[in-house]
Every structure is written in C-alpha cells, then in structure tokens.
C-alpha atoms as a PDB file:
ATOM      1  CA  MET A   1    -170.088  68.653 -38.119  1.00  0.00           C
ATOM      2  CA  SER A   2    -169.835  70.519 -41.413  1.00  0.00           C
ATOM      3  CA  VAL A   3    -167.902  69.199 -44.395  1.00  0.00           C
ATOM      4  CA  GLN A   4    -165.430  72.090 -44.127  1.00  0.00           C
ATOM      5  CA  LYS A   5    -164.589  71.249 -40.509  1.00  0.00           C
ATOM      6  CA  LYS A   6    -164.140  67.587 -41.408  1.00  0.00           C
ATOM      7  CA  LYS A   7    -161.709  68.532 -44.162  1.00  0.00           C
ATOM      8  CA  ALA A   8    -159.831  70.824 -41.791  1.00  0.00           C
ATOM      9  CA  ARG A   9    -159.574  68.067 -39.174  1.00  0.00           C
ATOM     10  CA  ALA A  10    -158.464  65.519 -41.771  1.00  0.00           C
ATOM     11  CA  GLY A  11    -155.824  67.934 -43.041  1.00  0.00           C
ATOM     12  CA  PHE A  12    -154.568  68.484 -39.492  1.00  0.00           C
ATOM     13  CA  PHE A  13    -154.145  64.745 -38.899  1.00  0.00           C
ATOM     14  CA  ILE A  14    -152.329  64.410 -42.228  1.00  0.00           C
ATOM     15  CA  ILE A  15    -149.692  66.993 -41.282  1.00  0.00           C
ATOM     16  CA  LEU A  16    -149.548  65.957 -37.619  1.00  0.00           C
ATOM     17  CA  PRO A  17    -146.648  63.455 -38.096  1.00  0.00           C
ATOM     18  CA  SER A  18    -144.614  66.114 -39.889  1.00  0.00           C
ATOM     19  CA  LEU A  19    -145.330  68.631 -37.124  1.00  0.00           C
ATOM     20  CA  ALA A  20    -144.272  66.071 -34.515  1.00  0.00           C
ATOM     21  CA  PHE A  21    -140.994  65.306 -36.301  1.00  0.00           C
ATOM     22  CA  ILE A  22    -140.221  69.021 -36.758  1.00  0.00           C
ATOM     23  CA  GLY A  23    -141.075  69.726 -33.140  1.00  0.00           C
ATOM     24  CA  ILE A  24    -138.794  66.943 -31.872  1.00  0.00           C
ATOM     25  CA  PHE A  25    -135.878  66.957 -34.301  1.00  0.00           C
ATOM     26  CA  VAL A  26    -135.686  70.733 -34.895  1.00  0.00           C
ATOM     27  CA  TYR A  27    -137.110  72.855 -32.094  1.00  0.00           C
ATOM     28  CA  TYR A  28    -136.518  70.438 -29.226  1.00  0.00           C
ATOM     29  CA  PHE A  29    -132.876  69.983 -30.239  1.00  0.00           C
ATOM     30  CA  ILE A  30    -132.492  73.759 -30.590  1.00  0.00           C
ATOM     31  CA  PHE A  31    -133.768  74.004 -27.022  1.00  0.00           C
ATOM     32  CA  LEU A  32    -131.264  71.336 -25.894  1.00  0.00           C
ATOM     33  CA  THR A  33    -128.450  73.197 -27.645  1.00  0.00           C
ATOM     34  CA  ILE A  34    -129.409  76.443 -25.905  1.00  0.00           C
ATOM     35  CA  ARG A  35    -129.515  74.650 -22.549  1.00  0.00           C
ATOM     36  CA  THR A  36    -126.122  73.028 -23.152  1.00  0.00           C
ATOM     37  CA  SER A  37    -124.597  76.359 -24.191  1.00  0.00           C
ATOM     38  CA  THR A  38    -125.503  77.829 -20.798  1.00  0.00           C
ATOM     39  CA  SER A  39    -123.931  74.951 -18.833  1.00  0.00           C
ATOM     40  CA  ASN A  40    -120.420  73.846 -17.940  1.00  0.00           C
ATOM     41  CA  TRP A  41    -120.657  70.542 -19.843  1.00  0.00           C
ATOM     42  CA  ASN A  42    -117.183  70.555 -21.360  1.00  0.00           C
ATOM     43  CA  SER A  43    -116.307  66.932 -20.682  1.00  0.00           C
ATOM     44  CA  PHE A  44    -117.980  63.641 -19.838  1.00  0.00           C
ATOM     45  CA  SER A  45    -116.382  63.798 -16.415  1.00  0.00           C
ATOM     46  CA  SER A  46    -118.290  66.978 -15.566  1.00  0.00           C
ATOM     47  CA  LEU A  47    -121.531  65.227 -16.516  1.00  0.00           C
ATOM     48  CA  LEU A  48    -120.776  62.067 -14.543  1.00  0.00           C
ATOM     49  CA  SER A  49    -119.509  63.891 -11.458  1.00  0.00           C
ATOM     50  CA  GLY A  50    -122.616  66.031 -11.160  1.00  0.00           C
ATOM     51  CA  GLU A  51    -120.804  69.277 -11.971  1.00  0.00           C
ATOM     52  CA  TYR A  52    -122.990  69.760 -15.017  1.00  0.00           C
ATOM     53  CA  LYS A  53    -124.742  72.976 -13.977  1.00  0.00           C
ATOM     54  CA  PHE A  54    -126.090  76.257 -15.273  1.00  0.00           C
ATOM     55  CA  VAL A  55    -123.448  78.967 -15.773  1.00  0.00           C
ATOM     56  CA  GLY A  56    -125.462  81.597 -17.655  1.00  0.00           C
ATOM     57  CA  PHE A  57    -123.761  83.372 -20.528  1.00  0.00           C
ATOM     58  CA  ARG A  58    -120.221  82.591 -19.381  1.00  0.00           C
ATOM     59  CA  ASN A  59    -119.496  80.470 -22.468  1.00  0.00           C
ATOM     60  CA  TYR A  60    -120.603  83.280 -24.762  1.00  0.00           C
ATOM     61  CA  GLN A  61    -118.365  85.719 -22.906  1.00  0.00           C
ATOM     62  CA  ARG A  62    -115.420  83.358 -23.315  1.00  0.00           C
ATOM     63  CA  LEU A  63    -116.107  83.046 -27.010  1.00  0.00           C
ATOM     64  CA  PHE A  64    -116.222  86.756 -27.725  1.00  0.00           C
ATOM     65  CA  MET A  65    -112.987  87.189 -25.779  1.00  0.00           C
ATOM     66  CA  ASP A  66    -111.363  84.303 -27.693  1.00  0.00           C
ATOM     67  CA  PRO A  67    -108.945  85.635 -30.380  1.00  0.00           C
ATOM     68  CA  ARG A  68    -109.664  82.634 -32.612  1.00  0.00           C
ATOM     69  CA  PHE A  69    -113.414  83.207 -32.531  1.00  0.00           C
ATOM     70  CA  GLN A  70    -112.894  86.898 -33.252  1.00  0.00           C
ATOM     71  CA  THR A  71    -110.840  85.884 -36.293  1.00  0.00           C
ATOM     72  CA  ASP A  72    -113.637  83.488 -37.311  1.00  0.00           C
ATOM     73  CA  LEU A  73    -116.202  86.291 -37.250  1.00  0.00           C
ATOM     74  CA  TRP A  74    -113.999  88.565 -39.378  1.00  0.00           C
ATOM     75  CA  ASN A  75    -113.349  85.698 -41.808  1.00  0.00           C
ATOM     76  CA  THR A  76    -117.082  85.036 -42.049  1.00  0.00           C
ATOM     77  CA  LEU A  77    -117.787  88.696 -42.741  1.00  0.00           C
ATOM     78  CA  PHE A  78    -115.224  89.014 -45.530  1.00  0.00           C
ATOM     79  CA  PHE A  79    -116.039  85.612 -47.014  1.00  0.00           C
ATOM     80  CA  THR A  80    -119.755  86.483 -47.109  1.00  0.00           C
ATOM     81  CA  LEU A  81    -119.171  89.875 -48.752  1.00  0.00           C
ATOM     82  CA  PHE A  82    -116.843  88.625 -51.490  1.00  0.00           C
ATOM     83  CA  PHE A  83    -118.719  85.368 -52.063  1.00  0.00           C
ATOM     84  CA  LEU A  84    -121.982  87.283 -52.387  1.00  0.00           C
ATOM     85  CA  ALA A  85    -120.534  89.911 -54.699  1.00  0.00           C
ATOM     86  CA  GLY A  86    -118.770  87.324 -56.880  1.00  0.00           C
ATOM     87  CA  CYS A  87    -121.866  85.136 -57.323  1.00  0.00           C
ATOM     88  CA  ILE A  88    -124.197  88.043 -58.118  1.00  0.00           C
ATOM     89  CA  ILE A  89    -121.846  89.832 -60.527  1.00  0.00           C
ATOM     90  CA  LEU A  90    -120.806  86.660 -62.341  1.00  0.00           C
ATOM     91  CA  GLY A  91    -124.327  85.239 -62.268  1.00  0.00           C
ATOM     92  CA  ILE A  92    -125.990  88.260 -63.839  1.00  0.00           C
ATOM     93  CA  PHE A  93    -123.158  88.588 -66.397  1.00  0.00           C
ATOM     94  CA  LEU A  94    -123.582  84.974 -67.527  1.00  0.00           C
ATOM     95  CA  ALA A  95    -127.372  85.259 -67.522  1.00  0.00           C
ATOM     96  CA  ASN A  96    -127.246  88.291 -69.810  1.00  0.00           C
ATOM     97  CA  ILE A  97    -124.968  86.492 -72.259  1.00  0.00           C
ATOM     98  CA  ILE A  98    -127.096  83.343 -72.378  1.00  0.00           C
ATOM     99  CA  ASP A  99    -130.301  85.389 -72.633  1.00  0.00           C
ATOM    100  CA  LYS A 100    -129.099  86.705 -76.013  1.00  0.00           C
ATOM    101  CA  GLN A 101    -129.821  83.222 -77.456  1.00  0.00           C
ATOM    102  CA  LEU A 102    -126.439  82.987 -79.172  1.00  0.00           C
ATOM    103  CA  LYS A 103    -125.290  79.802 -80.870  1.00  0.00           C
ATOM    104  CA  GLY A 104    -124.302  77.196 -78.292  1.00  0.00           C
ATOM    105  CA  SER A 105    -125.962  79.095 -75.422  1.00  0.00           C
ATOM    106  CA  SER A 106    -127.811  75.970 -74.205  1.00  0.00           C
ATOM    107  CA  PHE A 107    -124.517  74.068 -74.008  1.00  0.00           C
ATOM    108  CA  PHE A 108    -122.870  76.801 -71.942  1.00  0.00           C
ATOM    109  CA  GLN A 109    -125.956  77.111 -69.770  1.00  0.00           C
ATOM    110  CA  ASN A 110    -125.620  73.456 -68.789  1.00  0.00           C
ATOM    111  CA  LEU A 111    -121.855  73.862 -68.436  1.00  0.00           C
ATOM    112  CA  PHE A 112    -122.248  76.740 -65.974  1.00  0.00           C
ATOM    113  CA  LEU A 113    -124.869  74.791 -64.016  1.00  0.00           C
ATOM    114  CA  PHE A 114    -122.692  71.667 -63.812  1.00  0.00           C
ATOM    115  CA  PRO A 115    -120.852  72.670 -60.579  1.00  0.00           C
ATOM    116  CA  MET A 116    -124.230  72.636 -58.800  1.00  0.00           C
ATOM    117  CA  ALA A 117    -124.229  68.831 -59.176  1.00  0.00           C
ATOM    118  CA  ILE A 118    -120.982  68.585 -57.168  1.00  0.00           C
ATOM    119  CA  SER A 119    -120.814  68.636 -53.396  1.00  0.00           C
ATOM    120  CA  PHE A 120    -118.753  71.234 -51.556  1.00  0.00           C
ATOM    121  CA  VAL A 121    -116.470  68.438 -50.347  1.00  0.00           C
ATOM    122  CA  VAL A 122    -115.499  67.526 -53.923  1.00  0.00           C
ATOM    123  CA  THR A 123    -115.150  71.203 -54.828  1.00  0.00           C
ATOM    124  CA  GLY A 124    -112.901  71.822 -51.836  1.00  0.00           C
ATOM    125  CA  THR A 125    -110.732  68.803 -52.595  1.00  0.00           C
ATOM    126  CA  VAL A 126    -110.223  69.678 -56.276  1.00  0.00           C
ATOM    127  CA  TRP A 127    -109.617  73.380 -55.717  1.00  0.00           C
ATOM    128  CA  GLY A 128    -107.318  72.454 -52.842  1.00  0.00           C
ATOM    129  CA  TRP A 129    -105.165  70.583 -55.357  1.00  0.00           C
ATOM    130  CA  ILE A 130    -105.293  73.508 -57.798  1.00  0.00           C
ATOM    131  CA  PHE A 131    -104.219  76.081 -55.220  1.00  0.00           C
ATOM    132  CA  ALA A 132    -101.734  73.820 -53.411  1.00  0.00           C
ATOM    133  CA  PRO A 133     -98.656  76.086 -53.246  1.00  0.00           C
ATOM    134  CA  GLY A 134     -95.989  73.421 -52.864  1.00  0.00           C
ATOM    135  CA  ASN A 135     -92.469  74.557 -51.993  1.00  0.00           C
ATOM    136  CA  ILE A 136     -91.738  77.849 -53.719  1.00  0.00           C
ATOM    137  CA  PRO A 137     -89.505  78.182 -55.680  1.00  0.00           C
ATOM    138  CA  THR A 138     -87.924  74.698 -55.616  1.00  0.00           C
ATOM    139  CA  SER A 139     -90.953  72.424 -56.213  1.00  0.00           C
ATOM    140  CA  PRO A 140     -94.157  74.368 -56.831  1.00  0.00           C
ATOM    141  CA  GLN A 141     -97.483  72.587 -57.279  1.00  0.00           C
ATOM    142  CA  GLY A 142    -100.877  73.312 -58.772  1.00  0.00           C
ATOM    143  CA  ILE A 143    -101.342  76.777 -60.186  1.00  0.00           C
ATOM    144  CA  ASN A 144     -97.845  77.786 -59.045  1.00  0.00           C
ATOM    145  CA  LEU A 145     -96.398  75.085 -61.306  1.00  0.00           C
ATOM    146  CA  LEU A 146     -98.432  76.470 -64.207  1.00  0.00           C
ATOM    147  CA  LEU A 147     -97.158  79.969 -63.495  1.00  0.00           C
ATOM    148  CA  GLU A 148     -93.593  78.661 -63.439  1.00  0.00           C
ATOM    149  CA  ASN A 149     -94.047  76.943 -66.822  1.00  0.00           C
ATOM    150  CA  LEU A 150     -95.416  80.186 -68.248  1.00  0.00           C
ATOM    151  CA  GLY A 151     -92.464  82.122 -66.872  1.00  0.00           C
ATOM    152  CA  TRP A 152     -94.600  84.168 -64.486  1.00  0.00           C
ATOM    153  CA  THR A 153     -92.760  83.210 -61.324  1.00  0.00           C
ATOM    154  CA  ASN A 154     -93.311  86.685 -59.876  1.00  0.00           C
ATOM    155  CA  LEU A 155     -97.034  85.782 -59.567  1.00  0.00           C
ATOM    156  CA  GLN A 156     -96.389  82.661 -57.485  1.00  0.00           C
ATOM    157  CA  TRP A 157     -97.944  82.866 -54.067  1.00  0.00           C
ATOM    158  CA  MET A 158     -98.709  80.727 -51.012  1.00  0.00           C
ATOM    159  CA  TRP A 159    -102.448  80.965 -51.722  1.00  0.00           C
ATOM    160  CA  TYR A 160    -104.568  79.474 -48.925  1.00  0.00           C
ATOM    161  CA  THR A 161    -101.512  78.893 -46.704  1.00  0.00           C
ATOM    162  CA  SER A 162    -100.530  82.568 -46.813  1.00  0.00           C
ATOM    163  CA  THR A 163    -100.581  84.488 -43.547  1.00  0.00           C
ATOM    164  CA  GLN A 164    -100.625  87.889 -45.260  1.00  0.00           C
ATOM    165  CA  SER A 165    -103.542  90.181 -44.531  1.00  0.00           C
ATOM    166  CA  ILE A 166    -104.915  93.618 -45.322  1.00  0.00           C
ATOM    167  CA  GLY A 167    -106.221  94.879 -42.031  1.00  0.00           C
ATOM    168  CA  LYS A 168    -108.552  92.172 -40.736  1.00  0.00           C
ATOM    169  CA  PHE A 169    -108.911  90.550 -44.170  1.00  0.00           C
ATOM    170  CA  ASN A 170    -106.797  87.407 -44.521  1.00  0.00           C
ATOM    171  CA  LEU A 171    -105.652  87.048 -48.136  1.00  0.00           C
ATOM    172  CA  ALA A 172    -105.752  83.257 -47.783  1.00  0.00           C
ATOM    173  CA  LEU A 173    -109.542  83.537 -48.120  1.00  0.00           C
ATOM    174  CA  ILE A 174    -109.216  84.520 -51.802  1.00  0.00           C
ATOM    175  CA  PRO A 175    -108.821  80.917 -53.117  1.00  0.00           C
ATOM    176  CA  VAL A 176    -111.750  79.828 -50.928  1.00  0.00           C
ATOM    177  CA  VAL A 177    -113.950  82.601 -52.323  1.00  0.00           C
ATOM    178  CA  ILE A 178    -112.947  81.614 -55.871  1.00  0.00           C
ATOM    179  CA  ALA A 179    -113.872  77.963 -55.266  1.00  0.00           C
ATOM    180  CA  ALA A 180    -117.212  78.836 -53.648  1.00  0.00           C
ATOM    181  CA  THR A 181    -118.083  81.336 -56.392  1.00  0.00           C
ATOM    182  CA  TRP A 182    -117.239  78.757 -59.062  1.00  0.00           C
ATOM    183  CA  GLN A 183    -119.738  76.348 -57.547  1.00  0.00           C
ATOM    184  CA  MET A 184    -122.647  78.707 -56.806  1.00  0.00           C
ATOM    185  CA  SER A 185    -122.472  81.317 -59.591  1.00  0.00           C
ATOM    186  CA  GLY A 186    -124.308  78.933 -61.953  1.00  0.00           C
ATOM    187  CA  TYR A 187    -127.211  78.745 -59.507  1.00  0.00           C
ATOM    188  CA  VAL A 188    -127.427  82.538 -59.353  1.00  0.00           C
ATOM    189  CA  MET A 189    -127.172  82.637 -63.159  1.00  0.00           C
ATOM    190  CA  ALA A 190    -130.210  80.352 -63.428  1.00  0.00           C
ATOM    191  CA  MET A 191    -132.190  82.615 -61.090  1.00  0.00           C
ATOM    192  CA  TYR A 192    -131.338  85.732 -63.112  1.00  0.00           C
ATOM    193  CA  LEU A 193    -131.962  83.951 -66.400  1.00  0.00           C
ATOM    194  CA  ALA A 194    -135.478  83.027 -65.264  1.00  0.00           C
ATOM    195  CA  GLY A 195    -136.037  86.641 -64.235  1.00  0.00           C
ATOM    196  CA  LEU A 196    -134.761  88.038 -67.543  1.00  0.00           C
ATOM    197  CA  ARG A 197    -137.008  85.759 -69.564  1.00  0.00           C
ATOM    198  CA  ALA A 198    -140.000  86.820 -67.466  1.00  0.00           C
ATOM    199  CA  ILE A 199    -139.590  90.486 -68.463  1.00  0.00           C
ATOM    200  CA  PRO A 200    -142.298  91.366 -71.041  1.00  0.00           C
ATOM    201  CA  GLU A 201    -140.839  91.741 -74.514  1.00  0.00           C
ATOM    202  CA  GLU A 202    -143.182  94.671 -75.156  1.00  0.00           C
ATOM    203  CA  MET A 203    -141.483  96.663 -72.427  1.00  0.00           C
ATOM    204  CA  ILE A 204    -138.041  96.079 -73.960  1.00  0.00           C
ATOM    205  CA  GLU A 205    -139.294  97.013 -77.425  1.00  0.00           C
ATOM    206  CA  ALA A 206    -140.977 100.184 -76.135  1.00  0.00           C
ATOM    207  CA  ALA A 207    -137.749 101.280 -74.462  1.00  0.00           C
ATOM    208  CA  GLN A 208    -135.797 100.616 -77.672  1.00  0.00           C
ATOM    209  CA  VAL A 209    -138.295 102.668 -79.686  1.00  0.00           C
ATOM    210  CA  ASP A 210    -137.757 105.519 -77.212  1.00  0.00           C
ATOM    211  CA  GLY A 211    -134.033 105.358 -78.009  1.00  0.00           C
ATOM    212  CA  ALA A 212    -132.747 103.494 -74.947  1.00  0.00           C
ATOM    213  CA  THR A 213    -129.259 102.070 -75.353  1.00  0.00           C
ATOM    214  CA  GLY A 214    -128.210  98.611 -74.189  1.00  0.00           C
ATOM    215  CA  ILE A 215    -126.724  99.998 -70.978  1.00  0.00           C
ATOM    216  CA  GLN A 216    -129.848 102.055 -70.268  1.00  0.00           C
ATOM    217  CA  LEU A 217    -132.020  98.998 -70.893  1.00  0.00           C
ATOM    218  CA  PHE A 218    -129.996  97.015 -68.399  1.00  0.00           C
ATOM    219  CA  TRP A 219    -129.837  99.564 -65.583  1.00  0.00           C
ATOM    220  CA  ARG A 220    -133.261 101.237 -65.940  1.00  0.00           C
ATOM    221  CA  ILE A 221    -135.482  98.408 -67.159  1.00  0.00           C
ATOM    222  CA  LYS A 222    -133.979  95.036 -66.358  1.00  0.00           C
ATOM    223  CA  MET A 223    -132.227  95.629 -63.022  1.00  0.00           C
ATOM    224  CA  PRO A 224    -135.259  97.220 -61.278  1.00  0.00           C
ATOM    225  CA  MET A 225    -137.379  94.263 -62.359  1.00  0.00           C
ATOM    226  CA  LEU A 226    -134.697  91.833 -61.212  1.00  0.00           C
ATOM    227  CA  ARG A 227    -134.610  93.310 -57.715  1.00  0.00           C
ATOM    228  CA  PRO A 228    -136.626  90.423 -56.158  1.00  0.00           C
ATOM    229  CA  ILE A 229    -134.235  87.944 -57.804  1.00  0.00           C
ATOM    230  CA  THR A 230    -131.255  89.818 -56.377  1.00  0.00           C
ATOM    231  CA  LEU A 231    -132.793  89.779 -52.898  1.00  0.00           C
ATOM    232  CA  SER A 232    -133.503  86.044 -53.121  1.00  0.00           C
ATOM    233  CA  ALA A 233    -129.961  85.345 -54.331  1.00  0.00           C
ATOM    234  CA  MET A 234    -128.528  87.398 -51.471  1.00  0.00           C
ATOM    235  CA  ILE A 235    -130.594  85.461 -48.938  1.00  0.00           C
ATOM    236  CA  VAL A 236    -129.655  82.029 -50.321  1.00  0.00           C
ATOM    237  CA  ILE A 237    -125.942  82.776 -50.777  1.00  0.00           C
ATOM    238  CA  GLY A 238    -125.741  84.803 -47.568  1.00  0.00           C
ATOM    239  CA  HIS A 239    -127.123  82.119 -45.289  1.00  0.00           C
ATOM    240  CA  MET A 240    -124.901  79.483 -46.959  1.00  0.00           C
ATOM    241  CA  SER A 241    -121.784  81.557 -46.344  1.00  0.00           C
ATOM    242  CA  LEU A 242    -122.614  82.120 -42.680  1.00  0.00           C
ATOM    243  CA  LYS A 243    -122.692  78.381 -41.950  1.00  0.00           C
ATOM    244  CA  ILE A 244    -120.061  77.203 -44.451  1.00  0.00           C
ATOM    245  CA  PHE A 245    -118.178  74.143 -43.243  1.00  0.00           C
ATOM    246  CA  ASP A 246    -117.621  71.360 -45.789  1.00  0.00           C
ATOM    247  CA  LEU A 247    -115.811  73.510 -48.383  1.00  0.00           C
ATOM    248  CA  ILE A 248    -113.469  74.980 -45.765  1.00  0.00           C
ATOM    249  CA  TYR A 249    -112.827  71.658 -44.039  1.00  0.00           C
ATOM    250  CA  ALA A 250    -112.078  69.807 -47.289  1.00  0.00           C
ATOM    251  CA  MET A 251    -110.019  72.572 -48.899  1.00  0.00           C
ATOM    252  CA  THR A 252    -107.982  74.300 -46.205  1.00  0.00           C
ATOM    253  CA  GLY A 253    -109.092  73.448 -42.681  1.00  0.00           C
ATOM    254  CA  SER A 254    -108.508  76.251 -40.226  1.00  0.00           C
ATOM    255  CA  GLY A 255    -105.220  77.106 -41.941  1.00  0.00           C
ATOM    256  CA  PRO A 256    -102.019  78.467 -40.399  1.00  0.00           C
ATOM    257  CA  ASN A 257    -102.842  80.974 -37.658  1.00  0.00           C
ATOM    258  CA  ASN A 258    -106.526  80.278 -38.397  1.00  0.00           C
ATOM    259  CA  VAL A 259    -106.400  82.378 -41.574  1.00  0.00           C
ATOM    260  CA  THR A 260    -109.233  80.381 -43.201  1.00  0.00           C
ATOM    261  CA  ASP A 261    -111.039  79.325 -40.039  1.00  0.00           C
ATOM    262  CA  MET A 262    -114.814  79.671 -39.761  1.00  0.00           C
ATOM    263  CA  PRO A 263    -117.231  79.323 -36.817  1.00  0.00           C
ATOM    264  CA  ALA A 264    -118.528  75.973 -38.113  1.00  0.00           C
ATOM    265  CA  VAL A 265    -114.992  74.534 -38.276  1.00  0.00           C
ATOM    266  CA  TYR A 266    -114.263  75.820 -34.766  1.00  0.00           C
ATOM    267  CA  MET A 267    -117.533  74.323 -33.511  1.00  0.00           C
ATOM    268  CA  PHE A 268    -116.692  70.940 -35.069  1.00  0.00           C
ATOM    269  CA  GLU A 269    -113.273  70.859 -33.431  1.00  0.00           C
ATOM    270  CA  GLN A 270    -114.616  71.896 -30.035  1.00  0.00           C
ATOM    271  CA  MET A 271    -117.400  69.318 -30.159  1.00  0.00           C
ATOM    272  CA  PHE A 272    -115.749  66.227 -31.632  1.00  0.00           C
ATOM    273  CA  ARG A 273    -112.053  66.714 -30.821  1.00  0.00           C
ATOM    274  CA  SER A 274    -111.941  68.630 -27.558  1.00  0.00           C
ATOM    275  CA  ASN A 275    -115.262  67.389 -26.080  1.00  0.00           C
ATOM    276  CA  ARG A 276    -116.121  70.967 -25.078  1.00  0.00           C
ATOM    277  CA  TYR A 277    -119.818  70.546 -25.672  1.00  0.00           C
ATOM    278  CA  ALA A 278    -120.964  73.758 -24.006  1.00  0.00           C
ATOM    279  CA  ILE A 279    -118.579  75.944 -26.030  1.00  0.00           C
ATOM    280  CA  ALA A 280    -119.526  74.139 -29.252  1.00  0.00           C
ATOM    281  CA  SER A 281    -123.231  74.618 -28.469  1.00  0.00           C
ATOM    282  CA  ALA A 282    -122.654  78.328 -27.859  1.00  0.00           C
ATOM    283  CA  ILE A 283    -120.976  78.624 -31.273  1.00  0.00           C
ATOM    284  CA  ALA A 284    -123.933  76.802 -32.853  1.00  0.00           C
ATOM    285  CA  ILE A 285    -126.419  79.213 -31.269  1.00  0.00           C
ATOM    286  CA  ILE A 286    -124.420  82.231 -32.438  1.00  0.00           C
ATOM    287  CA  MET A 287    -124.434  80.796 -35.970  1.00  0.00           C
ATOM    288  CA  LEU A 288    -128.184  80.219 -35.701  1.00  0.00           C
ATOM    289  CA  ILE A 289    -128.702  83.854 -34.679  1.00  0.00           C
ATOM    290  CA  MET A 290    -126.568  85.080 -37.600  1.00  0.00           C
ATOM    291  CA  VAL A 291    -128.545  82.988 -40.098  1.00  0.00           C
ATOM    292  CA  ALA A 292    -131.857  84.054 -38.533  1.00  0.00           C
ATOM    293  CA  ALA A 293    -130.801  87.714 -38.812  1.00  0.00           C
ATOM    294  CA  VAL A 294    -130.559  87.183 -42.581  1.00  0.00           C
ATOM    295  CA  ILE A 295    -133.609  84.984 -43.194  1.00  0.00           C
ATOM    296  CA  VAL A 296    -136.260  86.221 -40.731  1.00  0.00           C
ATOM    297  CA  PRO A 297    -136.551  89.792 -42.136  1.00  0.00           C
ATOM    298  CA  TYR A 298    -136.892  88.325 -45.637  1.00  0.00           C
ATOM    299  CA  LEU A 299    -139.630  85.921 -44.529  1.00  0.00           C
ATOM    300  CA  TYR A 300    -141.414  88.695 -42.639  1.00  0.00           C
ATOM    301  CA  SER A 301    -141.439  90.980 -45.664  1.00  0.00           C
ATOM    302  CA  SER A 302    -142.592  88.129 -47.916  1.00  0.00           C
ATOM    303  CA  PHE A 303    -145.504  87.161 -45.654  1.00  0.00           C
ATOM    304  CA  ARG A 304    -146.491  90.808 -45.211  1.00  0.00           C
ATOM    305  CA  GLY A 305    -146.466  91.241 -48.997  1.00  0.00           C
ATOM    306  CA  GLU A 306    -148.720  88.196 -49.427  1.00  0.00           C
ATOM    307  CA  LYS A 307    -151.223  89.592 -46.906  1.00  0.00           C
END
C-alpha cells in the first residue's frame, strides 16, 4: 500500500467519529422529524393506543390552512426584509465612517460590536422593557414615559402590543426589527469593514486622480467590490431571521392576535405545550426548507466558483 493511500485511510479514520455524530444527531433526527410530520402523533395516547400511523401530507395541509400559520409566514417575510435592510444599510454606513480612521474610531468600532457579545434572550428582555407601552396615557412606561417627559405625547404608541397593520404587515414588528438590527448591525459592519480595508489603495487613488467624487468612489468602486460581502451578509442575516425564536420569545411572545408570532414560536408551543408533535414537526420541516432555500444556492455557487 502506497504512502498516499495510508494517509488517506488514516485521515478517514480521524474524521469517522465526526461523520458518525453528524449522521446520527443531524441527518437521522431530520429523518425522524420528517417521519413524525407525516404521522398522526399529536398526543402520547395516540402513540400508546397504536393509532400512531402514516397520514401523508395532511399535517402540512392543515398548517397552510391555519390562519395563525399564515400570519407567521407573513411576519417572517416582513421581519426578514426589514431586518436584512436595516443591518446592511446601518452596517455599511458604520463601516464607512470607521474606515476613515477618525479619532476614536477604534473605540466606536468596539462599541458597535459589543451587542454581538449579548444573547438574543438578553436583547429581547432589555428591549422589551424599553418598548413596554404601559397604560397610555395614565401610566406610560419605557420609551412612552420618555416621550411624555419630553412633551411628545402625540408620539406615544402601543409598540409591540399594537394590533395595527398596513396590509399584511403588523406594525408591532417594528420594535422587534429595531432590537434585532441593534444586535446584528455590528456584525455586518465588521464584515464590510474587512472588505473596505481589502480594497487596494492604488485603485482608490487612481479613481481620485481621474476626478471621481466621494459618492462615485462609493457606488462605482467600493460597492461592486463589496458585492461578495453583501451576499454573505444577506445569507447569514437571512437564515437567522427565518428561524428566529429566542428574541421573539423573550421580548414579545406571539403577541395579541399573533401580531409578532413566528413559525419557531408556534412550533415551540405546539410541541411543548399542546403535545402536537406531528404538527410541530411539520413546522420544523417547513422552516428547514425555507433556510435551505436561502443557503443551498449560495453553497452551490461557492463550490462551483472554487472548481
């Protein structure tokens, strides 16, 4: 046996435990979730009585006919769009400011990155206190109390307990988007900052010699070169927003009339409160498909580019 084959065999045995763990604790449990989602296992009694049987896609049909799940999908769509836009716009704005190497830029760089060290549970709890509406106008709380002290009572609002909407967009999602953007915009800023500092200085100087203004430099030189960073940020933020749970659960819960509900919150309640395991598994598979629809094309294009 050649030395190369021995190395290949040794490498295979080194990664074999990891492959076994991934196969069992990832793919096997995905298979079990798919199997449960196509059954009628919605209580322990159905399992013990032998009524645990295959029902096809009936659970998925029930979900897509469920008004609450329809609301969850619309909430996920709007939350993803605004969360994504907020993180990218704020992230690239902060990165451009810090990239100018102004006095104190390192301090503000660390300050903007600080929320990354906090879990979504802590973020949801703190921002839940900030946006707690209280009883308007008798005893406002949080930001409503600040608005009252400033004399801007006309701006007081019910925030994440509001049931107002514009079409399918529930306005109660606005405080949630603000909290999520506050936490993740620093991460996006760091990605853009790394991209900006990787742009060759000679290219910037050549464009300035040709008479390019600051705006032209940004849109025609920097942004095209930051396109891979933008795509990566969209993938990371997008897949996080599709499976968001801890921020919503800690900050608002499902909210009145499910105005801030998300599929992950609905899945948690169906699984651990209602013991409807088949319905919860169907929600989990739908979430998996949504995340895969975002990540798989990106991975495919990346691997094809490497080849």
